[in-house]
Amino acid sequence: DVLITGKVKASFVDTKDLYANSIKVVTERGIVYLMGR
């Protein structure tokens, strides 16, 4: 789950028009939860 979280965050960094720091990523049993404003 930790590795998935890291990969999701890295994908956000590489995505145009996403302010990555406005999104918190939590992963549990392969399920990704996205929090933020």
Full PDB file with SEQRES, HELIX, SHEET, SSBOND, CRYST1, ORIGX, SCALE, CONECT and MASTER records, all heavy atoms in Angstrom:
SEQRES   1 A   37  ASP VAL LEU ILE THR GLY LYS VAL LYS ALA SER PHE VAL          
SEQRES   2 A   37  ASP THR LYS ASP LEU TYR ALA ASN SER ILE LYS VAL VAL          
SEQRES   3 A   37  THR GLU ARG GLY ILE VAL TYR LEU MET GLY ARG                  
HELIX    1 AA1 VAL A    2  VAL A   13  1                                  12    
HELIX    2 AA2 ALA A   20  SER A   22  5                                   3    
SHEET    1 AA1 2 ILE A  23  GLU A  28  0                                        
SHEET    2 AA1 2 ILE A  31  GLY A  36 -1                                        
CRYST1    1.000    1.000    1.000  90.00  90.00  90.00 P 1           1          
ORIGX1      1.000000  0.000000  0.000000        0.00000                         
ORIGX2      0.000000  1.000000  0.000000        0.00000                         
ORIGX3      0.000000  0.000000  1.000000        0.00000                         
SCALE1      1.000000  0.000000  0.000000        0.00000                         
SCALE2      0.000000  1.000000  0.000000        0.00000                         
SCALE3      0.000000  0.000000  1.000000        0.00000                         
ATOM      1  N   ASP A   1       0.826  -1.208   0.000  1.00  0.00           N  
ATOM      2  CA  ASP A   1       0.000   0.000   0.000  1.00  0.00           C  
ATOM      3  C   ASP A   1       0.861   1.259   0.000  1.00  0.00           C  
ATOM      4  O   ASP A   1       0.539   2.251  -0.666  1.00  0.00           O  
ATOM      5  CB  ASP A   1      -0.920   0.013   1.231  1.00  0.00           C  
ATOM      6  CG  ASP A   1      -2.057  -0.986   1.128  1.00  0.00           C  
ATOM      7  OD1 ASP A   1      -2.417  -1.375   0.000  1.00  0.00           O  
ATOM      8  OD2 ASP A   1      -2.597  -1.381   2.178  1.00  0.00           O  
ATOM      9  N   VAL A   2       1.963   1.227   0.750  1.00  0.00           N  
ATOM     10  CA  VAL A   2       2.875   2.372   0.790  1.00  0.00           C  
ATOM     11  C   VAL A   2       3.466   2.631  -0.595  1.00  0.00           C  
ATOM     12  O   VAL A   2       3.567   3.774  -1.044  1.00  0.00           O  
ATOM     13  CB  VAL A   2       4.001   2.131   1.818  1.00  0.00           C  
ATOM     14  CG1 VAL A   2       5.081   3.213   1.698  1.00  0.00           C  
ATOM     15  CG2 VAL A   2       3.437   2.122   3.232  1.00  0.00           C  
ATOM     16  N   LEU A   3       3.837   1.563  -1.276  1.00  0.00           N  
ATOM     17  CA  LEU A   3       4.403   1.713  -2.620  1.00  0.00           C  
ATOM     18  C   LEU A   3       3.370   2.262  -3.602  1.00  0.00           C  
ATOM     19  O   LEU A   3       3.692   3.104  -4.443  1.00  0.00           O  
ATOM     20  CB  LEU A   3       4.928   0.366  -3.113  1.00  0.00           C  
ATOM     21  CG  LEU A   3       6.159  -0.169  -2.367  1.00  0.00           C  
ATOM     22  CD1 LEU A   3       6.519  -1.560  -2.881  1.00  0.00           C  
ATOM     23  CD2 LEU A   3       7.342   0.770  -2.519  1.00  0.00           C  
ATOM     24  N   ILE A   4       2.130   1.790  -3.489  1.00  0.00           N  
ATOM     25  CA  ILE A   4       1.063   2.306  -4.352  1.00  0.00           C  
ATOM     26  C   ILE A   4       0.860   3.797  -4.109  1.00  0.00           C  
ATOM     27  O   ILE A   4       0.723   4.583  -5.050  1.00  0.00           O  
ATOM     28  CB  ILE A   4      -0.248   1.532  -4.120  1.00  0.00           C  
ATOM     29  CG1 ILE A   4      -0.124   0.100  -4.652  1.00  0.00           C  
ATOM     30  CG2 ILE A   4      -1.427   2.249  -4.800  1.00  0.00           C  
ATOM     31  CD1 ILE A   4      -1.303  -0.789  -4.324  1.00  0.00           C  
ATOM     32  N   THR A   5       0.846   4.184  -2.832  1.00  0.00           N  
ATOM     33  CA  THR A   5       0.699   5.600  -2.499  1.00  0.00           C  
ATOM     34  C   THR A   5       1.799   6.423  -3.153  1.00  0.00           C  
ATOM     35  O   THR A   5       1.533   7.488  -3.738  1.00  0.00           O  
ATOM     36  CB  THR A   5       0.750   5.801  -0.975  1.00  0.00           C  
ATOM     37  OG1 THR A   5      -0.392   5.185  -0.375  1.00  0.00           O  
ATOM     38  CG2 THR A   5       0.749   7.285  -0.613  1.00  0.00           C  
ATOM     39  N   GLY A   6       3.034   5.940  -3.098  1.00  0.00           N  
ATOM     40  CA  GLY A   6       4.148   6.652  -3.716  1.00  0.00           C  
ATOM     41  C   GLY A   6       3.988   6.774  -5.216  1.00  0.00           C  
ATOM     42  O   GLY A   6       4.273   7.827  -5.797  1.00  0.00           O  
ATOM     43  N   LYS A   7       3.500   5.707  -5.855  1.00  0.00           N  
ATOM     44  CA  LYS A   7       3.319   5.742  -7.308  1.00  0.00           C  
ATOM     45  C   LYS A   7       2.195   6.697  -7.705  1.00  0.00           C  
ATOM     46  O   LYS A   7       2.292   7.393  -8.723  1.00  0.00           O  
ATOM     47  CB  LYS A   7       3.034   4.329  -7.825  1.00  0.00           C  
ATOM     48  CG  LYS A   7       4.241   3.404  -7.782  1.00  0.00           C  
ATOM     49  CD  LYS A   7       4.024   2.121  -8.562  1.00  0.00           C  
ATOM     50  CE  LYS A   7       3.009   1.210  -7.916  1.00  0.00           C  
ATOM     51  NZ  LYS A   7       2.880  -0.087  -8.644  1.00  0.00           N  
ATOM     52  N   VAL A   8       1.134   6.730  -6.918  1.00  0.00           N  
ATOM     53  CA  VAL A   8       0.027   7.650  -7.206  1.00  0.00           C  
ATOM     54  C   VAL A   8       0.501   9.093  -7.078  1.00  0.00           C  
ATOM     55  O   VAL A   8       0.222   9.943  -7.935  1.00  0.00           O  
ATOM     56  CB  VAL A   8      -1.176   7.392  -6.272  1.00  0.00           C  
ATOM     57  CG1 VAL A   8      -2.223   8.494  -6.431  1.00  0.00           C  
ATOM     58  CG2 VAL A   8      -1.801   6.031  -6.569  1.00  0.00           C  
ATOM     59  N   LYS A   9       1.243   9.391  -6.008  1.00  0.00           N  
ATOM     60  CA  LYS A   9       1.755  10.751  -5.822  1.00  0.00           C  
ATOM     61  C   LYS A   9       2.688  11.149  -6.964  1.00  0.00           C  
ATOM     62  O   LYS A   9       2.632  12.283  -7.459  1.00  0.00           O  
ATOM     63  CB  LYS A   9       2.497  10.844  -4.490  1.00  0.00           C  
ATOM     64  CG  LYS A   9       1.599  10.781  -3.274  1.00  0.00           C  
ATOM     65  CD  LYS A   9       2.427  10.833  -2.010  1.00  0.00           C  
ATOM     66  CE  LYS A   9       1.544  10.827  -0.769  1.00  0.00           C  
ATOM     67  NZ  LYS A   9       2.354  10.865   0.468  1.00  0.00           N  
ATOM     68  N   ALA A  10       3.539  10.215  -7.378  1.00  0.00           N  
ATOM     69  CA  ALA A  10       4.451  10.509  -8.484  1.00  0.00           C  
ATOM     70  C   ALA A  10       3.679  10.780  -9.767  1.00  0.00           C  
ATOM     71  O   ALA A  10       4.062  11.644 -10.562  1.00  0.00           O  
ATOM     72  CB  ALA A  10       5.423   9.334  -8.681  1.00  0.00           C  
ATOM     73  N   SER A  11       2.587  10.046  -9.975  1.00  0.00           N  
ATOM     74  CA  SER A  11       1.757  10.261 -11.169  1.00  0.00           C  
ATOM     75  C   SER A  11       1.100  11.633 -11.133  1.00  0.00           C  
ATOM     76  O   SER A  11       0.959  12.291 -12.164  1.00  0.00           O  
ATOM     77  CB  SER A  11       0.686   9.171 -11.265  1.00  0.00           C  
ATOM     78  OG  SER A  11       1.267   7.902 -11.468  1.00  0.00           O  
ATOM     79  N   PHE A  12       0.701  12.081  -9.943  1.00  0.00           N  
ATOM     80  CA  PHE A  12       0.120  13.416  -9.810  1.00  0.00           C  
ATOM     81  C   PHE A  12       1.152  14.489 -10.153  1.00  0.00           C  
ATOM     82  O   PHE A  12       0.837  15.493 -10.796  1.00  0.00           O  
ATOM     83  CB  PHE A  12      -0.391  13.640  -8.387  1.00  0.00           C  
ATOM     84  CG  PHE A  12      -1.658  12.890  -8.057  1.00  0.00           C  
ATOM     85  CD1 PHE A  12      -2.103  12.787  -6.748  1.00  0.00           C  
ATOM     86  CD2 PHE A  12      -2.413  12.279  -9.049  1.00  0.00           C  
ATOM     87  CE1 PHE A  12      -3.266  12.118  -6.440  1.00  0.00           C  
ATOM     88  CE2 PHE A  12      -3.577  11.583  -8.751  1.00  0.00           C  
ATOM     89  CZ  PHE A  12      -4.000  11.506  -7.438  1.00  0.00           C  
ATOM     90  N   VAL A  13       2.388  14.288  -9.702  1.00  0.00           N  
ATOM     91  CA  VAL A  13       3.457  15.242  -9.992  1.00  0.00           C  
ATOM     92  C   VAL A  13       3.636  15.382 -11.499  1.00  0.00           C  
ATOM     93  O   VAL A  13       3.894  16.465 -12.019  1.00  0.00           O  
ATOM     94  CB  VAL A  13       4.781  14.780  -9.343  1.00  0.00           C  
ATOM     95  CG1 VAL A  13       5.957  15.600  -9.877  1.00  0.00           C  
ATOM     96  CG2 VAL A  13       4.715  14.911  -7.833  1.00  0.00           C  
ATOM     97  N   ASP A  14       3.464  14.288 -12.211  1.00  0.00           N  
ATOM     98  CA  ASP A  14       3.724  14.257 -13.655  1.00  0.00           C  
ATOM     99  C   ASP A  14       2.504  14.644 -14.490  1.00  0.00           C  
ATOM    100  O   ASP A  14       2.551  14.580 -15.708  1.00  0.00           O  
ATOM    101  CB  ASP A  14       4.185  12.844 -14.051  1.00  0.00           C  
ATOM    102  CG  ASP A  14       5.074  12.843 -15.271  1.00  0.00           C  
ATOM    103  OD1 ASP A  14       5.802  13.835 -15.469  1.00  0.00           O  
ATOM    104  OD2 ASP A  14       5.038  11.860 -16.036  1.00  0.00           O  
ATOM    105  N   THR A  15       1.408  15.014 -13.823  1.00  0.00           N  
ATOM    106  CA  THR A  15       0.166  15.327 -14.533  1.00  0.00           C  
ATOM    107  C   THR A  15      -0.060  16.829 -14.617  1.00  0.00           C  
ATOM    108  O   THR A  15      -0.110  17.525 -13.602  1.00  0.00           O  
ATOM    109  CB  THR A  15      -1.050  14.677 -13.833  1.00  0.00           C  
ATOM    110  OG1 THR A  15      -0.858  13.262 -13.789  1.00  0.00           O  
ATOM    111  CG2 THR A  15      -2.335  14.989 -14.578  1.00  0.00           C  
ATOM    112  N   LYS A  16      -0.210  17.305 -15.833  1.00  0.00           N  
ATOM    113  CA  LYS A  16      -0.465  18.724 -16.049  1.00  0.00           C  
ATOM    114  C   LYS A  16      -1.812  19.105 -15.458  1.00  0.00           C  
ATOM    115  O   LYS A  16      -2.762  18.336 -15.481  1.00  0.00           O  
ATOM    116  CB  LYS A  16      -0.443  19.032 -17.549  1.00  0.00           C  
ATOM    117  CG  LYS A  16      -0.561  20.499 -17.893  1.00  0.00           C  
ATOM    118  CD  LYS A  16      -0.524  20.705 -19.401  1.00  0.00           C  
ATOM    119  CE  LYS A  16      -0.660  22.183 -19.753  1.00  0.00           C  
ATOM    120  NZ  LYS A  16      -0.641  22.401 -21.215  1.00  0.00           N  
ATOM    121  N   ASP A  17      -1.896  20.309 -14.911  1.00  0.00           N  
ATOM    122  CA  ASP A  17      -3.134  20.877 -14.366  1.00  0.00           C  
ATOM    123  C   ASP A  17      -3.563  20.235 -13.060  1.00  0.00           C  
ATOM    124  O   ASP A  17      -4.724  20.387 -12.650  1.00  0.00           O  
ATOM    125  CB  ASP A  17      -4.289  20.783 -15.380  1.00  0.00           C  
ATOM    126  CG  ASP A  17      -4.019  21.601 -16.632  1.00  0.00           C  
ATOM    127  OD1 ASP A  17      -3.322  22.630 -16.511  1.00  0.00           O  
ATOM    128  OD2 ASP A  17      -4.479  21.209 -17.719  1.00  0.00           O  
ATOM    129  N   LEU A  18      -2.666  19.514 -12.384  1.00  0.00           N  
ATOM    130  CA  LEU A  18      -2.967  19.021 -11.040  1.00  0.00           C  
ATOM    131  C   LEU A  18      -2.024  19.673 -10.042  1.00  0.00           C  
ATOM    132  O   LEU A  18      -0.807  19.603 -10.199  1.00  0.00           O  
ATOM    133  CB  LEU A  18      -2.799  17.498 -10.961  1.00  0.00           C  
ATOM    134  CG  LEU A  18      -4.029  16.626 -11.176  1.00  0.00           C  
ATOM    135  CD1 LEU A  18      -3.685  15.163 -10.893  1.00  0.00           C  
ATOM    136  CD2 LEU A  18      -5.212  17.059 -10.340  1.00  0.00           C  
ATOM    137  N   TYR A  19      -2.580  20.331  -9.033  1.00  0.00           N  
ATOM    138  CA  TYR A  19      -1.781  20.857  -7.941  1.00  0.00           C  
ATOM    139  C   TYR A  19      -1.629  19.727  -6.934  1.00  0.00           C  
ATOM    140  O   TYR A  19      -2.473  19.520  -6.073  1.00  0.00           O  
ATOM    141  CB  TYR A  19      -2.468  22.071  -7.302  1.00  0.00           C  
ATOM    142  CG  TYR A  19      -2.397  23.313  -8.155  1.00  0.00           C  
ATOM    143  CD1 TYR A  19      -3.237  23.476  -9.249  1.00  0.00           C  
ATOM    144  CD2 TYR A  19      -1.480  24.329  -7.855  1.00  0.00           C  
ATOM    145  CE1 TYR A  19      -3.174  24.618 -10.039  1.00  0.00           C  
ATOM    146  CE2 TYR A  19      -1.416  25.475  -8.641  1.00  0.00           C  
ATOM    147  CZ  TYR A  19      -2.261  25.604  -9.729  1.00  0.00           C  
ATOM    148  OH  TYR A  19      -2.195  26.727 -10.504  1.00  0.00           O  
ATOM    149  N   ALA A  20      -0.549  18.972  -7.059  1.00  0.00           N  
ATOM    150  CA  ALA A  20      -0.407  17.715  -6.321  1.00  0.00           C  
ATOM    151  C   ALA A  20      -0.457  17.892  -4.813  1.00  0.00           C  
ATOM    152  O   ALA A  20      -0.953  17.025  -4.102  1.00  0.00           O  
ATOM    153  CB  ALA A  20       0.902  17.035  -6.722  1.00  0.00           C  
ATOM    154  N   ASN A  21       0.037  19.015  -4.300  1.00  0.00           N  
ATOM    155  CA  ASN A  21       0.065  19.185  -2.857  1.00  0.00           C  
ATOM    156  C   ASN A  21      -1.310  19.458  -2.256  1.00  0.00           C  
ATOM    157  O   ASN A  21      -1.470  19.480  -1.045  1.00  0.00           O  
ATOM    158  CB  ASN A  21       1.020  20.319  -2.460  1.00  0.00           C  
ATOM    159  CG  ASN A  21       1.301  20.307  -0.975  1.00  0.00           C  
ATOM    160  OD1 ASN A  21       1.618  19.275  -0.410  1.00  0.00           O  
ATOM    161  ND2 ASN A  21       1.157  21.457  -0.347  1.00  0.00           N  
ATOM    162  N   SER A  22      -2.308  19.654  -3.090  1.00  0.00           N  
ATOM    163  CA  SER A  22      -3.667  19.842  -2.573  1.00  0.00           C  
ATOM    164  C   SER A  22      -4.381  18.514  -2.377  1.00  0.00           C  
ATOM    165  O   SER A  22      -5.523  18.484  -1.938  1.00  0.00           O  
ATOM    166  CB  SER A  22      -4.478  20.718  -3.541  1.00  0.00           C  
ATOM    167  OG  SER A  22      -4.613  20.065  -4.786  1.00  0.00           O  
ATOM    168  N   ILE A  23      -3.704  17.395  -2.685  1.00  0.00           N  
ATOM    169  CA  ILE A  23      -4.336  16.080  -2.606  1.00  0.00           C  
ATOM    170  C   ILE A  23      -3.566  15.168  -1.659  1.00  0.00           C  
ATOM    171  O   ILE A  23      -2.362  14.962  -1.817  1.00  0.00           O  
ATOM    172  CB  ILE A  23      -4.428  15.413  -3.993  1.00  0.00           C  
ATOM    173  CG1 ILE A  23      -5.195  16.315  -4.953  1.00  0.00           C  
ATOM    174  CG2 ILE A  23      -5.083  14.040  -3.898  1.00  0.00           C  
ATOM    175  CD1 ILE A  23      -5.185  15.837  -6.391  1.00  0.00           C  
ATOM    176  N   LYS A  24      -4.253  14.626  -0.688  1.00  0.00           N  
ATOM    177  CA  LYS A  24      -3.677  13.648   0.241  1.00  0.00           C  
ATOM    178  C   LYS A  24      -4.075  12.261  -0.224  1.00  0.00           C  
ATOM    179  O   LYS A  24      -5.245  12.014  -0.515  1.00  0.00           O  
ATOM    180  CB  LYS A  24      -4.193  13.893   1.658  1.00  0.00           C  
ATOM    181  CG  LYS A  24      -3.546  13.008   2.723  1.00  0.00           C  
ATOM    182  CD  LYS A  24      -4.070  13.365   4.092  1.00  0.00           C  
ATOM    183  CE  LYS A  24      -3.338  12.600   5.185  1.00  0.00           C  
ATOM    184  NZ  LYS A  24      -1.943  13.021   5.328  1.00  0.00           N  
ATOM    185  N   VAL A  25      -3.108  11.351  -0.292  1.00  0.00           N  
ATOM    186  CA  VAL A  25      -3.345   9.994  -0.777  1.00  0.00           C  
ATOM    187  C   VAL A  25      -3.199   9.003   0.363  1.00  0.00           C  
ATOM    188  O   VAL A  25      -2.180   8.991   1.067  1.00  0.00           O  
ATOM    189  CB  VAL A  25      -2.359   9.626  -1.902  1.00  0.00           C  
ATOM    190  CG1 VAL A  25      -2.653   8.222  -2.431  1.00  0.00           C  
ATOM    191  CG2 VAL A  25      -2.419  10.650  -3.034  1.00  0.00           C  
ATOM    192  N   VAL A  26      -4.213   8.172   0.557  1.00  0.00           N  
ATOM    193  CA  VAL A  26      -4.183   7.113   1.560  1.00  0.00           C  
ATOM    194  C   VAL A  26      -4.534   5.807   0.852  1.00  0.00           C  
ATOM    195  O   VAL A  26      -5.508   5.749   0.101  1.00  0.00           O  
ATOM    196  CB  VAL A  26      -5.198   7.366   2.696  1.00  0.00           C  
ATOM    197  CG1 VAL A  26      -5.199   6.214   3.697  1.00  0.00           C  
ATOM    198  CG2 VAL A  26      -4.908   8.686   3.398  1.00  0.00           C  
ATOM    199  N   THR A  27      -3.746   4.756   1.069  1.00  0.00           N  
ATOM    200  CA  THR A  27      -4.009   3.471   0.418  1.00  0.00           C  
ATOM    201  C   THR A  27      -4.183   2.377   1.461  1.00  0.00           C  
ATOM    202  O   THR A  27      -3.380   2.271   2.396  1.00  0.00           O  
ATOM    203  CB  THR A  27      -2.872   3.079  -0.534  1.00  0.00           C  
ATOM    204  OG1 THR A  27      -2.613   4.158  -1.435  1.00  0.00           O  
ATOM    205  CG2 THR A  27      -3.240   1.837  -1.335  1.00  0.00           C  
ATOM    206  N   GLU A  28      -5.206   1.582   1.299  1.00  0.00           N  
ATOM    207  CA  GLU A  28      -5.493   0.475   2.216  1.00  0.00           C  
ATOM    208  C   GLU A  28      -5.995  -0.718   1.415  1.00  0.00           C  
ATOM    209  O   GLU A  28      -7.003  -0.628   0.717  1.00  0.00           O  
ATOM    210  CB  GLU A  28      -6.571   0.901   3.227  1.00  0.00           C  
ATOM    211  CG  GLU A  28      -6.646   0.010   4.448  1.00  0.00           C  
ATOM    212  CD  GLU A  28      -5.532   0.274   5.447  1.00  0.00           C  
ATOM    213  OE1 GLU A  28      -5.323   1.436   5.842  1.00  0.00           O  
ATOM    214  OE2 GLU A  28      -4.862  -0.704   5.837  1.00  0.00           O  
ATOM    215  N   ARG A  29      -5.235  -1.827   1.469  1.00  0.00           N  
ATOM    216  CA  ARG A  29      -5.595  -3.057   0.752  1.00  0.00           C  
ATOM    217  C   ARG A  29      -5.789  -2.796  -0.756  1.00  0.00           C  
ATOM    218  O   ARG A  29      -6.675  -3.333  -1.382  1.00  0.00           O  
ATOM    219  CB  ARG A  29      -6.850  -3.706   1.349  1.00  0.00           C  
ATOM    220  CG  ARG A  29      -6.726  -4.055   2.822  1.00  0.00           C  
ATOM    221  CD  ARG A  29      -7.953  -4.793   3.355  1.00  0.00           C  
ATOM    222  NE  ARG A  29      -9.178  -4.052   3.106  1.00  0.00           N  
ATOM    223  CZ  ARG A  29      -9.606  -3.040   3.858  1.00  0.00           C  
ATOM    224  NH1 ARG A  29      -8.921  -2.646   4.918  1.00  0.00           N  
ATOM    225  NH2 ARG A  29     -10.737  -2.424   3.568  1.00  0.00           N  
ATOM    226  N   GLY A  30      -4.971  -1.902  -1.293  1.00  0.00           N  
ATOM    227  CA  GLY A  30      -5.045  -1.578  -2.719  1.00  0.00           C  
ATOM    228  C   GLY A  30      -6.107  -0.560  -3.075  1.00  0.00           C  
ATOM    229  O   GLY A  30      -6.193  -0.131  -4.233  1.00  0.00           O  
ATOM    230  N   ILE A  31      -6.911  -0.151  -2.110  1.00  0.00           N  
ATOM    231  CA  ILE A  31      -7.936   0.878  -2.337  1.00  0.00           C  
ATOM    232  C   ILE A  31      -7.320   2.245  -2.053  1.00  0.00           C  
ATOM    233  O   ILE A  31      -6.781   2.470  -0.965  1.00  0.00           O  
ATOM    234  CB  ILE A  31      -9.163   0.661  -1.443  1.00  0.00           C  
ATOM    235  CG1 ILE A  31      -9.778  -0.718  -1.690  1.00  0.00           C  
ATOM    236  CG2 ILE A  31     -10.208   1.752  -1.679  1.00  0.00           C  
ATOM    237  CD1 ILE A  31     -10.892  -1.078  -0.707  1.00  0.00           C  
ATOM    238  N   VAL A  32      -7.387   3.134  -3.020  1.00  0.00           N  
ATOM    239  CA  VAL A  32      -6.795   4.462  -2.875  1.00  0.00           C  
ATOM    240  C   VAL A  32      -7.876   5.477  -2.503  1.00  0.00           C  
ATOM    241  O   VAL A  32      -8.896   5.587  -3.193  1.00  0.00           O  
ATOM    242  CB  VAL A  32      -6.090   4.897  -4.178  1.00  0.00           C  
ATOM    243  CG1 VAL A  32      -5.662   6.357  -4.101  1.00  0.00           C  
ATOM    244  CG2 VAL A  32      -4.883   4.004  -4.432  1.00  0.00           C  
ATOM    245  N   TYR A  33      -7.648   6.190  -1.420  1.00  0.00           N  
ATOM    246  CA  TYR A  33      -8.559   7.249  -0.974  1.00  0.00           C  
ATOM    247  C   TYR A  33      -7.887   8.590  -1.246  1.00  0.00           C  
ATOM    248  O   TYR A  33      -6.712   8.779  -0.927  1.00  0.00           O  
ATOM    249  CB  TYR A  33      -8.841   7.119   0.527  1.00  0.00           C  
ATOM    250  CG  TYR A  33      -9.490   5.815   0.909  1.00  0.00           C  
ATOM    251  CD1 TYR A  33      -8.722   4.696   1.208  1.00  0.00           C  
ATOM    252  CD2 TYR A  33     -10.881   5.699   0.967  1.00  0.00           C  
ATOM    253  CE1 TYR A  33      -9.314   3.490   1.553  1.00  0.00           C  
ATOM    254  CE2 TYR A  33     -11.483   4.488   1.318  1.00  0.00           C  
ATOM    255  CZ  TYR A  33     -10.688   3.393   1.610  1.00  0.00           C  
ATOM    256  OH  TYR A  33     -11.273   2.193   1.948  1.00  0.00           O  
ATOM    257  N   LEU A  34      -8.626   9.507  -1.829  1.00  0.00           N  
ATOM    258  CA  LEU A  34      -8.102  10.825  -2.170  1.00  0.00           C  
ATOM    259  C   LEU A  34      -8.831  11.888  -1.365  1.00  0.00           C  
ATOM    260  O   LEU A  34     -10.054  11.985  -1.410  1.00  0.00           O  
ATOM    261  CB  LEU A  34      -8.278  11.097  -3.667  1.00  0.00           C  
ATOM    262  CG  LEU A  34      -7.637  10.085  -4.624  1.00  0.00           C  
ATOM    263  CD1 LEU A  34      -7.960  10.456  -6.070  1.00  0.00           C  
ATOM    264  CD2 LEU A  34      -6.133   9.987  -4.410  1.00  0.00           C  
ATOM    265  N   MET A  35      -8.058  12.677  -0.615  1.00  0.00           N  
ATOM    266  CA  MET A  35      -8.611  13.755   0.183  1.00  0.00           C  
ATOM    267  C   MET A  35      -8.018  15.079  -0.293  1.00  0.00           C  
ATOM    268  O   MET A  35      -6.935  15.108  -0.880  1.00  0.00           O  
ATOM    269  CB  MET A  35      -8.279  13.561   1.668  1.00  0.00           C  
ATOM    270  CG  MET A  35      -8.660  12.216   2.241  1.00  0.00           C  
ATOM    271  SD  MET A  35      -8.188  12.057   3.992  1.00  0.00           S  
ATOM    272  CE  MET A  35      -9.479  13.039   4.782  1.00  0.00           C  
ATOM    273  N   GLY A  36      -8.713  16.173  -0.030  1.00  0.00           N  
ATOM    274  CA  GLY A  36      -8.168  17.472  -0.370  1.00  0.00           C  
ATOM    275  C   GLY A  36      -9.242  18.465  -0.754  1.00  0.00           C  
ATOM    276  O   GLY A  36     -10.421  18.126  -0.849  1.00  0.00           O  
ATOM    277  N   ARG A  37      -8.805  19.691  -0.993  1.00  0.00           N  
ATOM    278  CA  ARG A  37      -9.694  20.764  -1.438  1.00  0.00           C  
ATOM    279  C   ARG A  37      -9.425  20.980  -2.919  1.00  0.00           C  
ATOM    280  O   ARG A  37      -8.395  21.547  -3.294  1.00  0.00           O  
ATOM    281  CB  ARG A  37      -9.445  22.042  -0.639  1.00  0.00           C  
ATOM    282  CG  ARG A  37      -9.550  21.868   0.873  1.00  0.00           C  
ATOM    283  CD  ARG A  37      -9.517  23.204   1.589  1.00  0.00           C  
ATOM    284  NE  ARG A  37     -10.735  23.945   1.324  1.00  0.00           N  
ATOM    285  CZ  ARG A  37     -10.830  25.271   1.320  1.00  0.00           C  
ATOM    286  NH1 ARG A  37      -9.747  26.011   1.512  1.00  0.00           N  
ATOM    287  NH2 ARG A  37     -11.984  25.865   1.080  1.00  0.00           N  
TER     288      ARG A  37                                                      
MASTER        0    0    0    2    2    0    0    6  287    1    0    3          
END                                                                             
